Amino acid sequence: MSSEALIKLLRDHHPEALTFLYFLGMLPAGASADQLLMMWGSTHERQTEILSSYGLLENGVARKVLTPFIINYAEETIDAESRE
């Protein structure tokens, strides 16, 4: 599935997960679960599950990191409205 199709699915069905994807895109080194809890709150676990189910997170035990391709895509496609 193309990255555009994945983004459309997230936009249509999981808008908070899309915002979370853009947020993680600004953290190319990723973040630990504790860091995500502090920065995003308790819903980070659900957003992580959603992104993982779409294959957008690398399988890391200690840190949640977007795949490199998706990091680049998120950086290129994020707009001013999504940054708010």
Protein backbone atom coordinates (compact mmCIF):
# COMPACT_ATOMS: atom_id res chain seq x y z
CA MET A 1 0.00 0.00 0.00
CA SER A 2 1.34 3.44 -0.87
CA SER A 3 2.13 6.00 1.79
CA GLU A 4 -0.57 8.26 0.35
CA ALA A 5 -3.17 5.50 0.80
CA LEU A 6 -2.01 4.88 4.37
CA ILE A 7 -2.24 8.58 5.19
CA LYS A 8 -5.75 8.73 3.69
CA LEU A 9 -6.83 5.73 5.79
CA LEU A 10 -5.46 7.37 8.91
CA ARG A 11 -7.06 10.71 8.03
CA ASP A 12 -10.45 9.07 7.41
CA HIS A 13 -10.49 6.54 10.25
CA HIS A 14 -7.87 7.55 12.84
CA PRO A 15 -7.24 11.33 12.73
CA GLU A 16 -5.54 11.39 16.15
CA ALA A 17 -3.15 8.65 14.98
CA LEU A 18 -2.30 10.80 11.95
CA THR A 19 -1.46 13.73 14.21
CA PHE A 20 0.60 11.33 16.34
CA LEU A 21 2.42 10.18 13.19
CA TYR A 22 3.32 13.79 12.39
CA PHE A 23 4.42 14.28 16.00
CA LEU A 24 6.70 11.22 15.83
CA GLY A 25 7.99 12.50 12.50
CA MET A 26 9.46 15.45 14.39
CA LEU A 27 11.32 12.99 16.67
CA PRO A 28 13.51 11.06 14.22
CA ALA A 29 15.33 9.33 17.09
CA GLY A 30 11.97 8.18 18.47
CA ALA A 31 10.87 8.26 22.06
CA SER A 32 10.49 5.82 24.92
CA ALA A 33 7.09 4.91 26.32
CA ASP A 34 7.81 7.08 29.38
CA GLN A 35 8.74 10.05 27.18
CA LEU A 36 5.63 9.59 25.05
CA LEU A 37 3.49 9.46 28.18
CA MET A 38 4.93 12.79 29.32
CA MET A 39 4.64 14.45 25.90
CA TRP A 40 1.43 12.91 24.52
CA GLY A 41 -0.45 11.48 27.47
CA SER A 42 -1.99 8.09 28.04
CA THR A 43 -3.52 7.84 24.55
CA HIS A 44 -0.06 7.33 23.05
CA GLU A 45 -0.44 3.58 23.57
CA ARG A 46 -3.54 3.41 21.37
CA GLN A 47 -1.95 5.61 18.70
CA THR A 48 1.17 3.40 18.79
CA GLU A 49 -1.00 0.31 18.28
CA ILE A 50 -2.74 1.90 15.31
CA LEU A 51 0.52 2.98 13.63
CA SER A 52 2.03 -0.44 14.29
CA SER A 53 -0.97 -2.16 12.72
CA TYR A 54 -0.33 -0.15 9.54
CA GLY A 55 3.39 -1.07 9.61
CA LEU A 56 4.49 2.51 10.23
CA LEU A 57 6.59 1.90 13.34
CA GLU A 58 9.87 0.05 13.48
CA ASN A 59 9.86 -2.87 15.88
CA GLY A 60 11.82 -1.48 18.76
CA VAL A 61 11.45 -2.64 22.32
CA ALA A 62 12.71 0.47 24.08
CA ARG A 63 11.79 3.23 21.65
CA LYS A 64 8.93 3.98 19.29
CA VAL A 65 10.37 5.08 15.94
CA LEU A 66 8.72 5.62 12.58
CA THR A 67 10.20 3.78 9.63
CA PRO A 68 12.73 5.99 7.78
CA PHE A 69 10.53 6.27 4.69
CA ILE A 70 7.56 7.41 6.76
CA ILE A 71 9.73 9.92 8.66
CA ASN A 72 10.66 11.53 5.36
CA TYR A 73 7.08 11.41 4.14
CA ALA A 74 5.74 12.96 7.35
CA GLU A 75 8.31 15.76 7.20
CA GLU A 76 7.39 16.51 3.58
CA THR A 77 3.62 16.41 3.99
CA ILE A 78 3.00 18.01 7.37
CA ASP A 79 1.26 21.33 6.96
CA ALA A 80 0.72 24.31 9.24
CA GLU A 81 -2.68 23.05 10.40
CA SER A 82 -1.26 19.67 11.47
CA ARG A 83 1.52 21.33 13.46
CA GLU A 84 -0.94 23.09 15.76
